[in-house]
Amino acid sequence: MAAQKRLEKGSVYEKYDVDGDGVVSDEELDVERRMIELEDLRSDMENEDKKQDAQRNMAWFALGGMLLYPAFVITATLFKLDNAAKILGDMAAVYFVSVAAIVAAFYGKEAITQKKVDKK
């Protein structure tokens, strides 16, 4: 069996020598590889959380707009902006269907995701 190669002082691989014996074993390299994989997994989970937060905020913003829309029509009427009130009223059907589709897509995705989690 060949003699093990010892690390030189200041070697870039010195950080992998966990037990400080001057030799980087396969086990020490494997531990480092697993730590990197766990770090990548944690990063992926954080990104997924940020994405879910953004989608949740979008759905709430859309719902808020849906609730405020009639207030804009009433306000336009109160300020005698009849043309603006008519335009807002004409746009209402398309707006409500679009917002409903956004919200439905969000909650549908959440239901499918939860179903997948429950199966595991």
C-alpha atoms as a PDB file:
ATOM      1  CA  MET A   1       0.000   0.000   0.000  1.00  0.00           C
ATOM      2  CA  ALA A   2       1.339   3.391  -0.984  1.00  0.00           C
ATOM      3  CA  ALA A   3       2.029   5.991   1.674  1.00  0.00           C
ATOM      4  CA  GLN A   4      -0.625   8.626   2.132  1.00  0.00           C
ATOM      5  CA  LYS A   5       0.194  12.021   0.755  1.00  0.00           C
ATOM      6  CA  ARG A   6       0.388  14.705   3.450  1.00  0.00           C
ATOM      7  CA  LEU A   7      -1.016  18.160   2.873  1.00  0.00           C
ATOM      8  CA  GLU A   8       1.348  21.036   2.365  1.00  0.00           C
ATOM      9  CA  LYS A   9       1.036  23.985   4.725  1.00  0.00           C
ATOM     10  CA  GLY A  10      -1.424  26.539   3.308  1.00  0.00           C
ATOM     11  CA  SER A  11      -2.908  24.044   0.832  1.00  0.00           C
ATOM     12  CA  VAL A  12      -6.327  24.893  -0.615  1.00  0.00           C
ATOM     13  CA  TYR A  13      -7.444  21.441   0.560  1.00  0.00           C
ATOM     14  CA  GLU A  14      -6.425  22.077   4.148  1.00  0.00           C
ATOM     15  CA  LYS A  15      -9.940  23.225   5.045  1.00  0.00           C
ATOM     16  CA  TYR A  16     -11.224  19.710   4.325  1.00  0.00           C
ATOM     17  CA  ASP A  17      -8.893  18.159   6.886  1.00  0.00           C
ATOM     18  CA  VAL A  18     -11.443  18.093   9.693  1.00  0.00           C
ATOM     19  CA  ASP A  19      -9.442  16.002  12.164  1.00  0.00           C
ATOM     20  CA  GLY A  20      -6.218  17.954  11.577  1.00  0.00           C
ATOM     21  CA  ASP A  21      -4.044  14.918  10.842  1.00  0.00           C
ATOM     22  CA  GLY A  22      -2.647  16.433   7.630  1.00  0.00           C
ATOM     23  CA  VAL A  23      -4.472  13.916   5.411  1.00  0.00           C
ATOM     24  CA  VAL A  24      -7.798  14.517   3.690  1.00  0.00           C
ATOM     25  CA  SER A  25      -9.650  11.218   3.751  1.00  0.00           C
ATOM     26  CA  ASP A  26     -12.501  10.129   1.496  1.00  0.00           C
ATOM     27  CA  GLU A  27     -14.787  10.377   4.523  1.00  0.00           C
ATOM     28  CA  GLU A  28     -13.815  14.016   5.130  1.00  0.00           C
ATOM     29  CA  LEU A  29     -14.436  14.858   1.463  1.00  0.00           C
ATOM     30  CA  ASP A  30     -17.787  13.051   1.590  1.00  0.00           C
ATOM     31  CA  VAL A  31     -18.844  15.061   4.662  1.00  0.00           C
ATOM     32  CA  GLU A  32     -17.943  18.301   2.857  1.00  0.00           C
ATOM     33  CA  ARG A  33     -19.882  17.204  -0.245  1.00  0.00           C
ATOM     34  CA  ARG A  34     -22.968  16.441   1.868  1.00  0.00           C
ATOM     35  CA  MET A  35     -22.698  19.814   3.593  1.00  0.00           C
ATOM     36  CA  ILE A  36     -22.619  21.562   0.197  1.00  0.00           C
ATOM     37  CA  GLU A  37     -25.679  19.572  -0.933  1.00  0.00           C
ATOM     38  CA  LEU A  38     -27.549  20.531   2.241  1.00  0.00           C
ATOM     39  CA  GLU A  39     -26.636  24.181   1.731  1.00  0.00           C
ATOM     40  CA  ASP A  40     -27.916  24.025  -1.863  1.00  0.00           C
ATOM     41  CA  LEU A  41     -31.138  22.390  -0.654  1.00  0.00           C
ATOM     42  CA  ARG A  42     -31.616  25.113   1.967  1.00  0.00           C
ATOM     43  CA  SER A  43     -31.050  27.778  -0.672  1.00  0.00           C
ATOM     44  CA  ASP A  44     -33.596  26.134  -2.995  1.00  0.00           C
ATOM     45  CA  MET A  45     -36.134  26.025  -0.154  1.00  0.00           C
ATOM     46  CA  GLU A  46     -35.584  29.728   0.602  1.00  0.00           C
ATOM     47  CA  ASN A  47     -36.096  30.593  -3.073  1.00  0.00           C
ATOM     48  CA  GLU A  48     -39.300  28.548  -3.131  1.00  0.00           C
ATOM     49  CA  ASP A  49     -40.521  30.375  -0.026  1.00  0.00           C
ATOM     50  CA  LYS A  50     -39.825  33.745  -1.649  1.00  0.00           C
ATOM     51  CA  LYS A  51     -41.687  32.665  -4.779  1.00  0.00           C
ATOM     52  CA  GLN A  52     -44.686  31.536  -2.735  1.00  0.00           C
ATOM     53  CA  ASP A  53     -44.685  34.819  -0.795  1.00  0.00           C
ATOM     54  CA  ALA A  54     -44.671  36.794  -4.058  1.00  0.00           C
ATOM     55  CA  GLN A  55     -47.557  34.726  -5.446  1.00  0.00           C
ATOM     56  CA  ARG A  56     -49.527  35.120  -2.215  1.00  0.00           C
ATOM     57  CA  ASN A  57     -48.990  38.894  -2.277  1.00  0.00           C
ATOM     58  CA  MET A  58     -50.111  39.018  -5.903  1.00  0.00           C
ATOM     59  CA  ALA A  59     -53.333  37.166  -5.067  1.00  0.00           C
ATOM     60  CA  TRP A  60     -54.075  39.474  -2.121  1.00  0.00           C
ATOM     61  CA  PHE A  61     -53.334  42.548  -4.217  1.00  0.00           C
ATOM     62  CA  ALA A  62     -55.695  41.274  -6.916  1.00  0.00           C
ATOM     63  CA  LEU A  63     -58.431  40.623  -4.340  1.00  0.00           C
ATOM     64  CA  GLY A  64     -57.928  44.097  -2.879  1.00  0.00           C
ATOM     65  CA  GLY A  65     -58.279  45.628  -6.321  1.00  0.00           C
ATOM     66  CA  MET A  66     -61.419  43.617  -6.899  1.00  0.00           C
ATOM     67  CA  LEU A  67     -62.924  45.016  -3.704  1.00  0.00           C
ATOM     68  CA  LEU A  68     -61.856  48.607  -4.433  1.00  0.00           C
ATOM     69  CA  TYR A  69     -63.037  48.638  -8.054  1.00  0.00           C
ATOM     70  CA  PRO A  70     -66.685  49.436  -7.225  1.00  0.00           C
ATOM     71  CA  ALA A  71     -65.480  52.232  -4.920  1.00  0.00           C
ATOM     72  CA  PHE A  72     -63.742  53.855  -7.894  1.00  0.00           C
ATOM     73  CA  VAL A  73     -66.938  53.720  -9.926  1.00  0.00           C
ATOM     74  CA  ILE A  74     -68.933  55.289  -7.069  1.00  0.00           C
ATOM     75  CA  THR A  75     -66.254  57.941  -6.510  1.00  0.00           C
ATOM     76  CA  ALA A  76     -66.252  58.838 -10.211  1.00  0.00           C
ATOM     77  CA  THR A  77     -70.050  59.201 -10.082  1.00  0.00           C
ATOM     78  CA  LEU A  78     -69.898  61.357  -6.921  1.00  0.00           C
ATOM     79  CA  PHE A  79     -67.409  63.708  -8.579  1.00  0.00           C
ATOM     80  CA  LYS A  80     -69.718  63.897 -11.610  1.00  0.00           C
ATOM     81  CA  LEU A  81     -67.207  62.151 -13.845  1.00  0.00           C
ATOM     82  CA  ASP A  82     -69.935  60.269 -15.665  1.00  0.00           C
ATOM     83  CA  ASN A  83     -67.732  59.334 -18.613  1.00  0.00           C
ATOM     84  CA  ALA A  84     -65.114  57.832 -16.254  1.00  0.00           C
ATOM     85  CA  ALA A  85     -67.814  55.932 -14.372  1.00  0.00           C
ATOM     86  CA  LYS A  86     -69.168  54.552 -17.676  1.00  0.00           C
ATOM     87  CA  ILE A  87     -65.697  53.456 -18.820  1.00  0.00           C
ATOM     88  CA  LEU A  88     -64.993  51.805 -15.475  1.00  0.00           C
ATOM     89  CA  GLY A  89     -68.373  50.083 -15.617  1.00  0.00           C
ATOM     90  CA  ASP A  90     -67.713  48.822 -19.144  1.00  0.00           C
ATOM     91  CA  MET A  91     -64.324  47.440 -18.079  1.00  0.00           C
ATOM     92  CA  ALA A  92     -65.715  45.718 -14.986  1.00  0.00           C
ATOM     93  CA  ALA A  93     -66.670  42.419 -16.635  1.00  0.00           C
ATOM     94  CA  VAL A  94     -63.221  41.853 -18.125  1.00  0.00           C
ATOM     95  CA  TYR A  95     -61.462  43.058 -14.978  1.00  0.00           C
ATOM     96  CA  PHE A  96     -63.386  40.790 -12.591  1.00  0.00           C
ATOM     97  CA  VAL A  97     -62.949  37.735 -14.814  1.00  0.00           C
ATOM     98  CA  SER A  98     -59.196  38.406 -15.112  1.00  0.00           C
ATOM     99  CA  VAL A  99     -58.711  38.901 -11.394  1.00  0.00           C
ATOM    100  CA  ALA A 100     -60.806  35.838 -10.617  1.00  0.00           C
ATOM    101  CA  ALA A 101     -58.586  33.810 -12.964  1.00  0.00           C
ATOM    102  CA  ILE A 102     -55.443  35.028 -11.172  1.00  0.00           C
ATOM    103  CA  VAL A 103     -56.838  34.174  -7.752  1.00  0.00           C
ATOM    104  CA  ALA A 104     -58.211  30.814  -8.938  1.00  0.00           C
ATOM    105  CA  ALA A 105     -54.836  29.891 -10.446  1.00  0.00           C
ATOM    106  CA  PHE A 106     -53.076  30.718  -7.173  1.00  0.00           C
ATOM    107  CA  TYR A 107     -55.446  28.719  -4.969  1.00  0.00           C
ATOM    108  CA  GLY A 108     -55.577  25.867  -7.498  1.00  0.00           C
ATOM    109  CA  LYS A 109     -51.795  25.628  -7.444  1.00  0.00           C
ATOM    110  CA  GLU A 110     -51.851  25.658  -3.644  1.00  0.00           C
ATOM    111  CA  ALA A 111     -54.396  22.812  -3.577  1.00  0.00           C
ATOM    112  CA  ILE A 112     -52.387  20.692  -6.010  1.00  0.00           C
ATOM    113  CA  THR A 113     -49.172  21.335  -4.072  1.00  0.00           C
ATOM    114  CA  GLN A 114     -50.837  20.410  -0.785  1.00  0.00           C
ATOM    115  CA  LYS A 115     -52.220  17.216  -2.321  1.00  0.00           C
ATOM    116  CA  LYS A 116     -48.693  16.221  -3.416  1.00  0.00           C
ATOM    117  CA  VAL A 117     -47.336  16.933   0.089  1.00  0.00           C
ATOM    118  CA  ASP A 118     -50.111  14.878   1.715  1.00  0.00           C
ATOM    119  CA  LYS A 119     -49.279  11.857  -0.499  1.00  0.00           C
ATOM    120  CA  LYS A 120     -45.649  11.778   0.693  1.00  0.00           C
END
